[in-house]
Amino acid sequence: MRKLLLTAAVVVAAVSGAAAEDDVYPYRESGPERDLFIQSSIKTCVNHNMWKNMGSESEVKAFCECKALNLAENWTQEDELNWWRASASKEKIPVDLHNKIKQGQVACVKHFSKLPRVPARSK
């Protein structure tokens, strides 16, 4: 009987832990919320003037898709709330959100083939 109760407790804890992670990262699992998040991220990115000037239309689209997928994997519910709070109050986004967005950009910049060479530093 004790083994059965222990096993049940372990199973409940495992299921609760998985559910809690889904709540923390709402866009990791496939579903309509993830689809909407990715589609809106891509649309916003593709229409941003800064990215339009970085490469061809197909390169910009590939970059924006990569960036949206990266954000979907790393965006938490708390990030979402902080983003909307900053937007509503017309304040700057928090540093941790800025860093997540920047990481996605750096990871996906490989899609631009026409970026100018970075000048070498003198040592």
C-alpha atoms as a PDB file:
ATOM      1  CA  MET A   1       0.000   0.000   0.000  1.00  0.00           C
ATOM      2  CA  ARG A   2       2.847   2.401   0.837  1.00  0.00           C
ATOM      3  CA  LYS A   3       4.479   1.718  -2.540  1.00  0.00           C
ATOM      4  CA  LEU A   4       1.216   2.484  -4.306  1.00  0.00           C
ATOM      5  CA  LEU A   5       0.813   5.777  -2.433  1.00  0.00           C
ATOM      6  CA  LEU A   6       4.425   6.726  -3.096  1.00  0.00           C
ATOM      7  CA  THR A   7       4.053   5.919  -6.799  1.00  0.00           C
ATOM      8  CA  ALA A   8       0.841   7.950  -6.982  1.00  0.00           C
ATOM      9  CA  ALA A   9       2.532  10.902  -5.276  1.00  0.00           C
ATOM     10  CA  VAL A  10       5.460  10.773  -7.733  1.00  0.00           C
ATOM     11  CA  VAL A  11       3.103  10.648 -10.717  1.00  0.00           C
ATOM     12  CA  VAL A  12       1.044  13.583  -9.420  1.00  0.00           C
ATOM     13  CA  ALA A  13       4.197  15.611  -8.774  1.00  0.00           C
ATOM     14  CA  ALA A  14       5.519  14.867 -12.268  1.00  0.00           C
ATOM     15  CA  VAL A  15       2.243  15.848 -13.917  1.00  0.00           C
ATOM     16  CA  SER A  16       2.007  19.006 -11.811  1.00  0.00           C
ATOM     17  CA  GLY A  17       5.577  19.959 -12.716  1.00  0.00           C
ATOM     18  CA  ALA A  18       4.901  19.522 -16.436  1.00  0.00           C
ATOM     19  CA  ALA A  19       1.728  21.587 -16.210  1.00  0.00           C
ATOM     20  CA  ALA A  20       3.546  24.312 -14.302  1.00  0.00           C
ATOM     21  CA  GLU A  21       6.229  24.560 -17.000  1.00  0.00           C
ATOM     22  CA  ASP A  22       3.546  24.848 -19.686  1.00  0.00           C
ATOM     23  CA  ASP A  23       2.077  27.752 -17.713  1.00  0.00           C
ATOM     24  CA  VAL A  24       5.463  29.450 -17.441  1.00  0.00           C
ATOM     25  CA  TYR A  25       6.263  29.060 -21.171  1.00  0.00           C
ATOM     26  CA  PRO A  26       2.844  29.271 -22.861  1.00  0.00           C
ATOM     27  CA  TYR A  27       4.150  29.257 -26.449  1.00  0.00           C
ATOM     28  CA  ARG A  28       6.383  26.174 -26.337  1.00  0.00           C
ATOM     29  CA  GLU A  29       3.568  23.706 -26.998  1.00  0.00           C
ATOM     30  CA  SER A  30       1.832  23.562 -30.376  1.00  0.00           C
ATOM     31  CA  GLY A  31      -1.590  25.138 -30.430  1.00  0.00           C
ATOM     32  CA  PRO A  32      -3.537  28.207 -31.458  1.00  0.00           C
ATOM     33  CA  GLU A  33      -1.830  30.478 -28.902  1.00  0.00           C
ATOM     34  CA  ARG A  34       1.612  29.575 -30.242  1.00  0.00           C
ATOM     35  CA  ASP A  35       0.448  29.989 -33.837  1.00  0.00           C
ATOM     36  CA  LEU A  36      -0.978  33.436 -33.131  1.00  0.00           C
ATOM     37  CA  PHE A  37       2.146  34.512 -31.237  1.00  0.00           C
ATOM     38  CA  ILE A  38       4.438  33.392 -34.064  1.00  0.00           C
ATOM     39  CA  GLN A  39       2.273  34.847 -36.847  1.00  0.00           C
ATOM     40  CA  SER A  40       1.970  38.235 -35.156  1.00  0.00           C
ATOM     41  CA  SER A  41       5.693  38.288 -34.342  1.00  0.00           C
ATOM     42  CA  ILE A  42       6.583  37.551 -37.964  1.00  0.00           C
ATOM     43  CA  LYS A  43       4.172  40.177 -39.317  1.00  0.00           C
ATOM     44  CA  THR A  44       5.510  42.859 -36.973  1.00  0.00           C
ATOM     45  CA  CYS A  45       9.119  41.967 -37.753  1.00  0.00           C
ATOM     46  CA  VAL A  46       8.689  41.812 -41.556  1.00  0.00           C
ATOM     47  CA  ASN A  47       7.046  45.251 -41.592  1.00  0.00           C
ATOM     48  CA  HIS A  48       9.726  46.891 -39.424  1.00  0.00           C
ATOM     49  CA  ASN A  49      11.826  49.314 -41.505  1.00  0.00           C
ATOM     50  CA  MET A  50      15.082  48.333 -39.821  1.00  0.00           C
ATOM     51  CA  TRP A  51      14.796  44.723 -40.982  1.00  0.00           C
ATOM     52  CA  LYS A  52      13.480  45.608 -44.451  1.00  0.00           C
ATOM     53  CA  ASN A  53      16.766  47.387 -45.172  1.00  0.00           C
ATOM     54  CA  MET A  54      18.959  44.496 -44.025  1.00  0.00           C
ATOM     55  CA  GLY A  55      18.383  42.087 -46.898  1.00  0.00           C
ATOM     56  CA  SER A  56      16.088  40.734 -49.544  1.00  0.00           C
ATOM     57  CA  GLU A  57      12.441  40.006 -48.818  1.00  0.00           C
ATOM     58  CA  SER A  58      13.119  36.275 -48.459  1.00  0.00           C
ATOM     59  CA  GLU A  59      16.063  36.900 -46.114  1.00  0.00           C
ATOM     60  CA  VAL A  60      13.969  39.200 -43.938  1.00  0.00           C
ATOM     61  CA  LYS A  61      11.182  36.622 -43.811  1.00  0.00           C
ATOM     62  CA  ALA A  62      13.622  33.832 -42.860  1.00  0.00           C
ATOM     63  CA  PHE A  63      15.164  36.066 -40.177  1.00  0.00           C
ATOM     64  CA  CYS A  64      11.745  36.988 -38.753  1.00  0.00           C
ATOM     65  CA  GLU A  65      10.580  33.357 -38.703  1.00  0.00           C
ATOM     66  CA  CYS A  66      13.754  32.316 -36.882  1.00  0.00           C
ATOM     67  CA  LYS A  67      13.380  35.165 -34.387  1.00  0.00           C
ATOM     68  CA  ALA A  68       9.696  34.381 -33.748  1.00  0.00           C
ATOM     69  CA  LEU A  69      10.439  30.692 -33.128  1.00  0.00           C
ATOM     70  CA  ASN A  70      13.266  31.625 -30.778  1.00  0.00           C
ATOM     71  CA  LEU A  71      10.994  33.957 -28.826  1.00  0.00           C
ATOM     72  CA  ALA A  72       8.197  31.376 -28.676  1.00  0.00           C
ATOM     73  CA  GLU A  73      10.566  28.956 -26.956  1.00  0.00           C
ATOM     74  CA  ASN A  74      11.839  31.490 -24.411  1.00  0.00           C
ATOM     75  CA  TRP A  75       8.895  33.856 -23.811  1.00  0.00           C
ATOM     76  CA  THR A  76       7.206  33.433 -20.427  1.00  0.00           C
ATOM     77  CA  GLN A  77       3.836  34.583 -19.154  1.00  0.00           C
ATOM     78  CA  GLU A  78       5.637  37.104 -16.982  1.00  0.00           C
ATOM     79  CA  ASP A  79       7.444  38.439 -20.076  1.00  0.00           C
ATOM     80  CA  GLU A  80       4.075  38.850 -21.788  1.00  0.00           C
ATOM     81  CA  LEU A  81       2.660  40.785 -18.845  1.00  0.00           C
ATOM     82  CA  ASN A  82       5.741  43.000 -18.587  1.00  0.00           C
ATOM     83  CA  TRP A  83       5.626  43.686 -22.331  1.00  0.00           C
ATOM     84  CA  TRP A  84       1.990  44.803 -22.182  1.00  0.00           C
ATOM     85  CA  ARG A  85       2.553  46.844 -19.023  1.00  0.00           C
ATOM     86  CA  ALA A  86       5.432  48.716 -20.668  1.00  0.00           C
ATOM     87  CA  SER A  87       3.386  49.265 -23.837  1.00  0.00           C
ATOM     88  CA  ALA A  88       0.354  50.526 -21.935  1.00  0.00           C
ATOM     89  CA  SER A  89       2.402  52.929 -19.832  1.00  0.00           C
ATOM     90  CA  LYS A  90       4.601  53.972 -22.799  1.00  0.00           C
ATOM     91  CA  GLU A  91       7.735  53.067 -20.882  1.00  0.00           C
ATOM     92  CA  LYS A  92      10.820  51.217 -22.025  1.00  0.00           C
ATOM     93  CA  ILE A  93      10.616  47.448 -21.903  1.00  0.00           C
ATOM     94  CA  PRO A  94      12.429  45.794 -18.988  1.00  0.00           C
ATOM     95  CA  VAL A  95      16.077  44.845 -19.506  1.00  0.00           C
ATOM     96  CA  ASP A  96      15.439  41.093 -19.310  1.00  0.00           C
ATOM     97  CA  LEU A  97      12.894  41.320 -22.152  1.00  0.00           C
ATOM     98  CA  HIS A  98      15.289  43.407 -24.194  1.00  0.00           C
ATOM     99  CA  ASN A  99      17.973  40.774 -23.670  1.00  0.00           C
ATOM    100  CA  LYS A 100      15.659  37.937 -24.792  1.00  0.00           C
ATOM    101  CA  ILE A 101      14.745  39.821 -27.950  1.00  0.00           C
ATOM    102  CA  LYS A 102      18.399  40.660 -28.611  1.00  0.00           C
ATOM    103  CA  GLN A 103      19.425  36.996 -28.165  1.00  0.00           C
ATOM    104  CA  GLY A 104      16.861  36.001 -30.792  1.00  0.00           C
ATOM    105  CA  GLN A 105      18.173  38.635 -33.181  1.00  0.00           C
ATOM    106  CA  VAL A 106      21.788  37.582 -32.718  1.00  0.00           C
ATOM    107  CA  ALA A 107      20.906  33.899 -33.185  1.00  0.00           C
ATOM    108  CA  CYS A 108      19.036  34.622 -36.413  1.00  0.00           C
ATOM    109  CA  VAL A 109      21.170  37.310 -38.069  1.00  0.00           C
ATOM    110  CA  LYS A 110      22.865  34.520 -40.050  1.00  0.00           C
ATOM    111  CA  HIS A 111      19.953  34.745 -42.520  1.00  0.00           C
ATOM    112  CA  PHE A 112      21.225  38.063 -43.887  1.00  0.00           C
ATOM    113  CA  SER A 113      23.831  37.536 -46.586  1.00  0.00           C
ATOM    114  CA  LYS A 114      24.397  41.189 -47.484  1.00  0.00           C
ATOM    115  CA  LEU A 115      25.398  42.556 -44.108  1.00  0.00           C
ATOM    116  CA  PRO A 116      28.476  44.754 -44.293  1.00  0.00           C
ATOM    117  CA  ARG A 117      31.667  43.357 -42.828  1.00  0.00           C
ATOM    118  CA  VAL A 118      32.353  44.337 -39.267  1.00  0.00           C
ATOM    119  CA  PRO A 119      35.552  46.398 -39.096  1.00  0.00           C
ATOM    120  CA  ALA A 120      38.419  44.678 -37.330  1.00  0.00           C
ATOM    121  CA  ARG A 121      39.625  46.077 -34.031  1.00  0.00           C
ATOM    122  CA  SER A 122      43.182  47.146 -33.614  1.00  0.00           C
ATOM    123  CA  LYS A 123      44.822  45.196 -30.810  1.00  0.00           C
END
